[in-house]
Amino acid sequence: MFQRGLADFISKKLLQSESFHHFVRTVHAKINGLPNPTRTYNPLQQEGHSAFNKLAEQSQKLNQAKRFGSLFLEELKRDLKGKK
């Protein structure tokens, strides 16, 4: 019981922490090839919001295309192995 309360407390503190959210945004930006966010980053208050959205959409479309290509090649390999 104590462990669950401790876990809830830690989770609550992390979610309230600006530093934690900045860290998560920075990791997300690096993974998706987006520009690093500023410390006081709030996309709804900045003029570059539409540019950020465009970059995020392009990155998402590229990732989807890569995943589709890899899945397609795997299925093609399976089909070719089964027909031999």
PDB file of N, CA and C in Angstrom:
ATOM      1  N   MET A   1       0.822  -1.186   0.000  1.00  0.00           N
ATOM      2  CA  MET A   1       0.000   0.000   0.000  1.00  0.00           C
ATOM      3  C   MET A   1       0.870   1.256   0.000  1.00  0.00           C
ATOM      4  N   PHE A   2       1.908   1.244   0.823  1.00  0.00           N
ATOM      5  CA  PHE A   2       2.807   2.397   0.898  1.00  0.00           C
ATOM      6  C   PHE A   2       3.513   2.626  -0.431  1.00  0.00           C
ATOM      7  N   GLN A   3       3.909   1.526  -1.103  1.00  0.00           N
ATOM      8  CA  GLN A   3       4.626   1.653  -2.373  1.00  0.00           C
ATOM      9  C   GLN A   3       3.754   2.308  -3.440  1.00  0.00           C
ATOM     10  N   ARG A   4       2.477   1.946  -3.449  1.00  0.00           N
ATOM     11  CA  ARG A   4       1.571   2.538  -4.436  1.00  0.00           C
ATOM     12  C   ARG A   4       1.410   4.035  -4.187  1.00  0.00           C
ATOM     13  N   GLY A   5       1.274   4.413  -2.934  1.00  0.00           N
ATOM     14  CA  GLY A   5       1.171   5.830  -2.601  1.00  0.00           C
ATOM     15  C   GLY A   5       2.428   6.596  -2.957  1.00  0.00           C
ATOM     16  N   LEU A   6       3.571   5.971  -2.739  1.00  0.00           N
ATOM     17  CA  LEU A   6       4.843   6.595  -3.097  1.00  0.00           C
ATOM     18  C   LEU A   6       4.958   6.755  -4.608  1.00  0.00           C
ATOM     19  N   ALA A   7       4.566   5.722  -5.343  1.00  0.00           N
ATOM     20  CA  ALA A   7       4.609   5.787  -6.801  1.00  0.00           C
ATOM     21  C   ALA A   7       3.674   6.873  -7.325  1.00  0.00           C
ATOM     22  N   ASP A   8       2.498   6.976  -6.747  1.00  0.00           N
ATOM     23  CA  ASP A   8       1.555   8.024  -7.143  1.00  0.00           C
ATOM     24  C   ASP A   8       2.114   9.410  -6.845  1.00  0.00           C
ATOM     25  N   PHE A   9       2.744   9.562  -5.688  1.00  0.00           N
ATOM     26  CA  PHE A   9       3.333  10.839  -5.310  1.00  0.00           C
ATOM     27  C   PHE A   9       4.448  11.236  -6.281  1.00  0.00           C
ATOM     28  N   ILE A  10       5.319  10.293  -6.598  1.00  0.00           N
ATOM     29  CA  ILE A  10       6.424  10.574  -7.518  1.00  0.00           C
ATOM     30  C   ILE A  10       5.888  10.911  -8.903  1.00  0.00           C
ATOM     31  N   SER A  11       4.900  10.158  -9.377  1.00  0.00           N
ATOM     32  CA  SER A  11       4.299  10.429 -10.689  1.00  0.00           C
ATOM     33  C   SER A  11       3.687  11.824 -10.726  1.00  0.00           C
ATOM     34  N   LYS A  12       2.987  12.192  -9.671  1.00  0.00           N
ATOM     35  CA  LYS A  12       2.348  13.502  -9.605  1.00  0.00           C
ATOM     36  C   LYS A  12       3.397  14.608  -9.642  1.00  0.00           C
ATOM     37  N   LYS A  13       4.465  14.434  -8.883  1.00  0.00           N
ATOM     38  CA  LYS A  13       5.526  15.445  -8.854  1.00  0.00           C
ATOM     39  C   LYS A  13       6.209  15.567 -10.217  1.00  0.00           C
ATOM     40  N   LEU A  14       6.451  14.438 -10.882  1.00  0.00           N
ATOM     41  CA  LEU A  14       7.063  14.484 -12.210  1.00  0.00           C
ATOM     42  C   LEU A  14       6.176  15.213 -13.205  1.00  0.00           C
ATOM     43  N   LEU A  15       4.887  14.906 -13.196  1.00  0.00           N
ATOM     44  CA  LEU A  15       3.977  15.529 -14.144  1.00  0.00           C
ATOM     45  C   LEU A  15       3.783  17.017 -13.884  1.00  0.00           C
ATOM     46  N   GLN A  16       4.038  17.471 -12.671  1.00  0.00           N
ATOM     47  CA  GLN A  16       3.936  18.885 -12.341  1.00  0.00           C
ATOM     48  C   GLN A  16       5.244  19.634 -12.612  1.00  0.00           C
ATOM     49  N   SER A  17       6.311  18.908 -12.897  1.00  0.00           N
ATOM     50  CA  SER A  17       7.632  19.506 -13.043  1.00  0.00           C
ATOM     51  C   SER A  17       7.851  20.036 -14.462  1.00  0.00           C
ATOM     52  N   GLU A  18       8.213  21.323 -14.554  1.00  0.00           N
ATOM     53  CA  GLU A  18       8.521  21.912 -15.849  1.00  0.00           C
ATOM     54  C   GLU A  18       9.782  21.283 -16.436  1.00  0.00           C
ATOM     55  N   SER A  19      10.746  20.950 -15.592  1.00  0.00           N
ATOM     56  CA  SER A  19      11.985  20.337 -16.063  1.00  0.00           C
ATOM     57  C   SER A  19      11.728  18.986 -16.717  1.00  0.00           C
ATOM     58  N   PHE A  20      10.851  18.201 -16.134  1.00  0.00           N
ATOM     59  CA  PHE A  20      10.520  16.896 -16.710  1.00  0.00           C
ATOM     60  C   PHE A  20       9.885  17.059 -18.085  1.00  0.00           C
ATOM     61  N   HIS A  21       8.950  18.001 -18.216  1.00  0.00           N
ATOM     62  CA  HIS A  21       8.293  18.212 -19.504  1.00  0.00           C
ATOM     63  C   HIS A  21       9.282  18.743 -20.540  1.00  0.00           C
ATOM     64  N   HIS A  22      10.199  19.591 -20.118  1.00  0.00           N
ATOM     65  CA  HIS A  22      11.221  20.083 -21.039  1.00  0.00           C
ATOM     66  C   HIS A  22      12.098  18.927 -21.520  1.00  0.00           C
ATOM     67  N   PHE A  23      12.468  18.047 -20.605  1.00  0.00           N
ATOM     68  CA  PHE A  23      13.271  16.880 -20.965  1.00  0.00           C
ATOM     69  C   PHE A  23      12.537  16.008 -21.988  1.00  0.00           C
ATOM     70  N   VAL A  24      11.250  15.763 -21.742  1.00  0.00           N
ATOM     71  CA  VAL A  24      10.467  14.928 -22.653  1.00  0.00           C
ATOM     72  C   VAL A  24      10.353  15.600 -24.024  1.00  0.00           C
ATOM     73  N   ARG A  25      10.122  16.922 -24.055  1.00  0.00           N
ATOM     74  CA  ARG A  25      10.036  17.631 -25.341  1.00  0.00           C
ATOM     75  C   ARG A  25      11.363  17.589 -26.082  1.00  0.00           C
ATOM     76  N   THR A  26      12.476  17.701 -25.352  1.00  0.00           N
ATOM     77  CA  THR A  26      13.796  17.657 -25.978  1.00  0.00           C
ATOM     78  C   THR A  26      14.060  16.285 -26.592  1.00  0.00           C
ATOM     79  N   VAL A  27      13.745  15.225 -25.884  1.00  0.00           N
ATOM     80  CA  VAL A  27      13.932  13.875 -26.414  1.00  0.00           C
ATOM     81  C   VAL A  27      13.034  13.660 -27.629  1.00  0.00           C
ATOM     82  N   HIS A  28      11.795  14.101 -27.551  1.00  0.00           N
ATOM     83  CA  HIS A  28      10.868  13.972 -28.675  1.00  0.00           C
ATOM     84  C   HIS A  28      11.387  14.713 -29.899  1.00  0.00           C
ATOM     85  N   ALA A  29      11.918  15.917 -29.686  1.00  0.00           N
ATOM     86  CA  ALA A  29      12.446  16.703 -30.796  1.00  0.00           C
ATOM     87  C   ALA A  29      13.653  16.016 -31.431  1.00  0.00           C
ATOM     88  N   LYS A  30      14.534  15.459 -30.631  1.00  0.00           N
ATOM     89  CA  LYS A  30      15.718  14.778 -31.172  1.00  0.00           C
ATOM     90  C   LYS A  30      15.330  13.538 -31.955  1.00  0.00           C
ATOM     91  N   ILE A  31      14.388  12.771 -31.446  1.00  0.00           N
ATOM     92  CA  ILE A  31      13.975  11.543 -32.120  1.00  0.00           C
ATOM     93  C   ILE A  31      13.324  11.855 -33.454  1.00  0.00           C
ATOM     94  N   ASN A  32      12.525  12.911 -33.502  1.00  0.00           N
ATOM     95  CA  ASN A  32      11.773  13.235 -34.710  1.00  0.00           C
ATOM     96  C   ASN A  32      12.455  14.270 -35.594  1.00  0.00           C
ATOM     97  N   GLY A  33      13.681  14.653 -35.256  1.00  0.00           N
ATOM     98  CA  GLY A  33      14.429  15.597 -36.085  1.00  0.00           C
ATOM     99  C   GLY A  33      13.841  17.002 -36.076  1.00  0.00           C
ATOM    100  N   LEU A  34      13.251  17.409 -34.981  1.00  0.00           N
ATOM    101  CA  LEU A  34      12.658  18.736 -34.857  1.00  0.00           C
ATOM    102  C   LEU A  34      13.622  19.662 -34.135  1.00  0.00           C
ATOM    103  N   PRO A  35      13.426  20.976 -34.273  1.00  0.00           N
ATOM    104  CA  PRO A  35      14.302  21.897 -33.542  1.00  0.00           C
ATOM    105  C   PRO A  35      14.102  21.766 -32.035  1.00  0.00           C
ATOM    106  N   ASN A  36      15.165  22.024 -31.289  1.00  0.00           N
ATOM    107  CA  ASN A  36      15.082  21.926 -29.832  1.00  0.00           C
ATOM    108  C   ASN A  36      14.106  22.964 -29.280  1.00  0.00           C
ATOM    109  N   PRO A  37      13.239  22.561 -28.378  1.00  0.00           N
ATOM    110  CA  PRO A  37      12.307  23.527 -27.788  1.00  0.00           C
ATOM    111  C   PRO A  37      13.013  24.445 -26.811  1.00  0.00           C
ATOM    112  N   THR A  38      12.455  25.624 -26.619  1.00  0.00           N
ATOM    113  CA  THR A  38      13.012  26.541 -25.634  1.00  0.00           C
ATOM    114  C   THR A  38      12.521  26.138 -24.254  1.00  0.00           C
ATOM    115  N   ARG A  39      13.097  26.733 -23.237  1.00  0.00           N
ATOM    116  CA  ARG A  39      12.751  26.362 -21.866  1.00  0.00           C
ATOM    117  C   ARG A  39      11.293  26.718 -21.551  1.00  0.00           C
ATOM    118  N   THR A  40      10.828  27.830 -22.054  1.00  0.00           N
ATOM    119  CA  THR A  40       9.449  28.257 -21.804  1.00  0.00           C
ATOM    120  C   THR A  40       8.575  27.938 -23.001  1.00  0.00           C
ATOM    121  N   TYR A  41       8.795  26.818 -23.601  1.00  0.00           N
ATOM    122  CA  TYR A  41       8.104  26.440 -24.826  1.00  0.00           C
ATOM    123  C   TYR A  41       6.627  26.171 -24.568  1.00  0.00           C
ATOM    124  N   ASN A  42       5.795  26.866 -25.293  1.00  0.00           N
ATOM    125  CA  ASN A  42       4.366  26.603 -25.306  1.00  0.00           C
ATOM    126  C   ASN A  42       3.895  26.846 -26.733  1.00  0.00           C
ATOM    127  N   PRO A  43       3.646  25.794 -27.508  1.00  0.00           N
ATOM    128  CA  PRO A  43       3.364  25.964 -28.936  1.00  0.00           C
ATOM    129  C   PRO A  43       2.124  26.801 -29.218  1.00  0.00           C
ATOM    130  N   LEU A  44       1.185  26.865 -28.295  1.00  0.00           N
ATOM    131  CA  LEU A  44      -0.021  27.637 -28.539  1.00  0.00           C
ATOM    132  C   LEU A  44       0.209  29.134 -28.388  1.00  0.00           C
ATOM    133  N   GLN A  45       1.295  29.527 -27.722  1.00  0.00           N
ATOM    134  CA  GLN A  45       1.569  30.939 -27.499  1.00  0.00           C
ATOM    135  C   GLN A  45       2.639  31.486 -28.440  1.00  0.00           C
ATOM    136  N   GLN A  46       3.290  30.651 -29.207  1.00  0.00           N
ATOM    137  CA  GLN A  46       4.378  31.109 -30.061  1.00  0.00           C
ATOM    138  C   GLN A  46       3.915  31.222 -31.506  1.00  0.00           C
ATOM    139  N   GLU A  47       4.540  32.154 -32.235  1.00  0.00           N
ATOM    140  CA  GLU A  47       4.189  32.355 -33.635  1.00  0.00           C
ATOM    141  C   GLU A  47       4.611  31.176 -34.496  1.00  0.00           C
ATOM    142  N   GLY A  48       5.648  30.471 -34.102  1.00  0.00           N
ATOM    143  CA  GLY A  48       6.168  29.355 -34.884  1.00  0.00           C
ATOM    144  C   GLY A  48       5.371  28.079 -34.725  1.00  0.00           C
ATOM    145  N   HIS A  49       4.204  28.174 -34.138  1.00  0.00           N
ATOM    146  CA  HIS A  49       3.396  26.976 -33.891  1.00  0.00           C
ATOM    147  C   HIS A  49       3.081  26.238 -35.180  1.00  0.00           C
ATOM    148  N   SER A  50       2.695  26.969 -36.233  1.00  0.00           N
ATOM    149  CA  SER A  50       2.347  26.298 -37.485  1.00  0.00           C
ATOM    150  C   SER A  50       3.585  25.650 -38.111  1.00  0.00           C
ATOM    151  N   ALA A  51       4.745  26.303 -37.994  1.00  0.00           N
ATOM    152  CA  ALA A  51       5.975  25.713 -38.529  1.00  0.00           C
ATOM    153  C   ALA A  51       6.328  24.438 -37.768  1.00  0.00           C
ATOM    154  N   PHE A  52       6.148  24.468 -36.456  1.00  0.00           N
ATOM    155  CA  PHE A  52       6.414  23.284 -35.650  1.00  0.00           C
ATOM    156  C   PHE A  52       5.475  22.150 -36.056  1.00  0.00           C
ATOM    157  N   ASN A  53       4.200  22.475 -36.239  1.00  0.00           N
ATOM    158  CA  ASN A  53       3.235  21.451 -36.658  1.00  0.00           C
ATOM    159  C   ASN A  53       3.590  20.860 -38.011  1.00  0.00           C
ATOM    160  N   LYS A  54       4.034  21.703 -38.943  1.00  0.00           N
ATOM    161  CA  LYS A  54       4.414  21.203 -40.260  1.00  0.00           C
ATOM    162  C   LYS A  54       5.593  20.236 -40.147  1.00  0.00           C
ATOM    163  N   LEU A  55       6.593  20.608 -39.358  1.00  0.00           N
ATOM    164  CA  LEU A  55       7.740  19.725 -39.171  1.00  0.00           C
ATOM    165  C   LEU A  55       7.313  18.418 -38.497  1.00  0.00           C
ATOM    166  N   ALA A  56       6.442  18.507 -37.518  1.00  0.00           N
ATOM    167  CA  ALA A  56       5.976  17.311 -36.826  1.00  0.00           C
ATOM    168  C   ALA A  56       5.191  16.406 -37.773  1.00  0.00           C
ATOM    169  N   GLU A  57       4.339  16.990 -38.620  1.00  0.00           N
ATOM    170  CA  GLU A  57       3.568  16.193 -39.575  1.00  0.00           C
ATOM    171  C   GLU A  57       4.481  15.535 -40.599  1.00  0.00           C
ATOM    172  N   GLN A  58       5.474  16.288 -41.092  1.00  0.00           N
ATOM    173  CA  GLN A  58       6.417  15.716 -42.056  1.00  0.00           C
ATOM    174  C   GLN A  58       7.178  14.563 -41.434  1.00  0.00           C
ATOM    175  N   SER A  59       7.610  14.739 -40.216  1.00  0.00           N
ATOM    176  CA  SER A  59       8.344  13.686 -39.520  1.00  0.00           C
ATOM    177  C   SER A  59       7.456  12.464 -39.318  1.00  0.00           C
ATOM    178  N   GLN A  60       6.209  12.697 -38.941  1.00  0.00           N
ATOM    179  CA  GLN A  60       5.282  11.586 -38.721  1.00  0.00           C
ATOM    180  C   GLN A  60       5.013  10.846 -40.024  1.00  0.00           C
ATOM    181  N   LYS A  61       4.831  11.573 -41.113  1.00  0.00           N
ATOM    182  CA  LYS A  61       4.584  10.930 -42.413  1.00  0.00           C
ATOM    183  C   LYS A  61       5.795  10.118 -42.848  1.00  0.00           C
ATOM    184  N   LEU A  62       6.992  10.643 -42.626  1.00  0.00           N
ATOM    185  CA  LEU A  62       8.205   9.917 -42.979  1.00  0.00           C
ATOM    186  C   LEU A  62       8.330   8.643 -42.159  1.00  0.00           C
ATOM    187  N   ASN A  63       8.060   8.732 -40.867  1.00  0.00           N
ATOM    188  CA  ASN A  63       8.117   7.540 -40.011  1.00  0.00           C
ATOM    189  C   ASN A  63       7.085   6.511 -40.435  1.00  0.00           C
ATOM    190  N   GLN A  64       5.886   6.966 -40.804  1.00  0.00           N
ATOM    191  CA  GLN A  64       4.850   6.041 -41.262  1.00  0.00           C
ATOM    192  C   GLN A  64       5.278   5.361 -42.551  1.00  0.00           C
ATOM    193  N   ALA A  65       5.891   6.111 -43.465  1.00  0.00           N
ATOM    194  CA  ALA A  65       6.337   5.538 -44.728  1.00  0.00           C
ATOM    195  C   ALA A  65       7.440   4.502 -44.489  1.00  0.00           C
ATOM    196  N   LYS A  66       8.351   4.800 -43.579  1.00  0.00           N
ATOM    197  CA  LYS A  66       9.420   3.850 -43.267  1.00  0.00           C
ATOM    198  C   LYS A  66       8.853   2.570 -42.663  1.00  0.00           C
ATOM    199  N   ARG A  67       7.906   2.723 -41.732  1.00  0.00           N
ATOM    200  CA  ARG A  67       7.294   1.542 -41.109  1.00  0.00           C
ATOM    201  C   ARG A  67       6.536   0.722 -42.141  1.00  0.00           C
ATOM    202  N   PHE A  68       5.792   1.401 -43.020  1.00  0.00           N
ATOM    203  CA  PHE A  68       5.054   0.689 -44.046  1.00  0.00           C
ATOM    204  C   PHE A  68       6.009  -0.068 -44.957  1.00  0.00           C
ATOM    205  N   GLY A  69       7.107   0.585 -45.366  1.00  0.00           N
ATOM    206  CA  GLY A  69       8.084  -0.069 -46.237  1.00  0.00           C
ATOM    207  C   GLY A  69       8.696  -1.294 -45.590  1.00  0.00           C
ATOM    208  N   SER A  70       9.050  -1.195 -44.333  1.00  0.00           N
ATOM    209  CA  SER A  70       9.658  -2.348 -43.663  1.00  0.00           C
ATOM    210  C   SER A  70       8.651  -3.484 -43.501  1.00  0.00           C
ATOM    211  N   LEU A  71       7.406  -3.152 -43.157  1.00  0.00           N
ATOM    212  CA  LEU A  71       6.382  -4.195 -43.039  1.00  0.00           C
ATOM    213  C   LEU A  71       6.086  -4.836 -44.395  1.00  0.00           C
ATOM    214  N   PHE A  72       6.044  -4.027 -45.446  1.00  0.00           N
ATOM    215  CA  PHE A  72       5.795  -4.547 -46.782  1.00  0.00           C
ATOM    216  C   PHE A  72       6.896  -5.516 -47.206  1.00  0.00           C
ATOM    217  N   LEU A  73       8.150  -5.147 -46.949  1.00  0.00           N
ATOM    218  CA  LEU A  73       9.263  -6.024 -47.311  1.00  0.00           C
ATOM    219  C   LEU A  73       9.237  -7.324 -46.505  1.00  0.00           C
ATOM    220  N   GLU A  74       8.886  -7.243 -45.231  1.00  0.00           N
ATOM    221  CA  GLU A  74       8.778  -8.461 -44.419  1.00  0.00           C
ATOM    222  C   GLU A  74       7.708  -9.392 -44.968  1.00  0.00           C
ATOM    223  N   GLU A  75       6.554  -8.849 -45.319  1.00  0.00           N
ATOM    224  CA  GLU A  75       5.479  -9.667 -45.874  1.00  0.00           C
ATOM    225  C   GLU A  75       5.887 -10.264 -47.220  1.00  0.00           C
ATOM    226  N   LEU A  76       6.589  -9.491 -48.033  1.00  0.00           N
ATOM    227  CA  LEU A  76       7.039  -9.979 -49.322  1.00  0.00           C
ATOM    228  C   LEU A  76       8.037 -11.129 -49.135  1.00  0.00           C
ATOM    229  N   LYS A  77       8.946 -10.996 -48.186  1.00  0.00           N
ATOM    230  CA  LYS A  77       9.915 -12.073 -47.907  1.00  0.00           C
ATOM    231  C   LYS A  77       9.191 -13.327 -47.432  1.00  0.00           C
ATOM    232  N   ARG A  78       8.208 -13.161 -46.557  1.00  0.00           N
ATOM    233  CA  ARG A  78       7.448 -14.320 -46.093  1.00  0.00           C
ATOM    234  C   ARG A  78       6.703 -15.016 -47.229  1.00  0.00           C
ATOM    235  N   ASP A  79       6.122 -14.226 -48.117  1.00  0.00           N
ATOM    236  CA  ASP A  79       5.401 -14.803 -49.245  1.00  0.00           C
ATOM    237  C   ASP A  79       6.344 -15.553 -50.171  1.00  0.00           C
ATOM    238  N   LEU A  80       7.518 -14.977 -50.416  1.00  0.00           N
ATOM    239  CA  LEU A  80       8.480 -15.641 -51.311  1.00  0.00           C
ATOM    240  C   LEU A  80       9.022 -16.924 -50.693  1.00  0.00           C
ATOM    241  N   LYS A  81       9.240 -16.919 -49.394  1.00  0.00           N
ATOM    242  CA  LYS A  81       9.715 -18.148 -48.731  1.00  0.00           C
ATOM    243  C   LYS A  81       8.644 -19.221 -48.765  1.00  0.00           C
ATOM    244  N   GLY A  82       7.419 -18.855 -48.648  1.00  0.00           N
ATOM    245  CA  GLY A  82       6.324 -19.842 -48.648  1.00  0.00           C
ATOM    246  C   GLY A  82       6.063 -20.441 -50.016  1.00  0.00           C
ATOM    247  N   LYS A  83       6.376 -19.744 -51.102  1.00  0.00           N
ATOM    248  CA  LYS A  83       6.095 -20.233 -52.449  1.00  0.00           C
ATOM    249  C   LYS A  83       7.168 -21.144 -52.990  1.00  0.00           C
ATOM    250  N   LYS A  84       8.351 -21.158 -52.403  1.00  0.00           N
ATOM    251  CA  LYS A  84       9.462 -21.985 -52.913  1.00  0.00           C
ATOM    252  C   LYS A  84       9.271 -23.422 -52.614  1.00  0.00           C
TER     253      LYS A  84
END
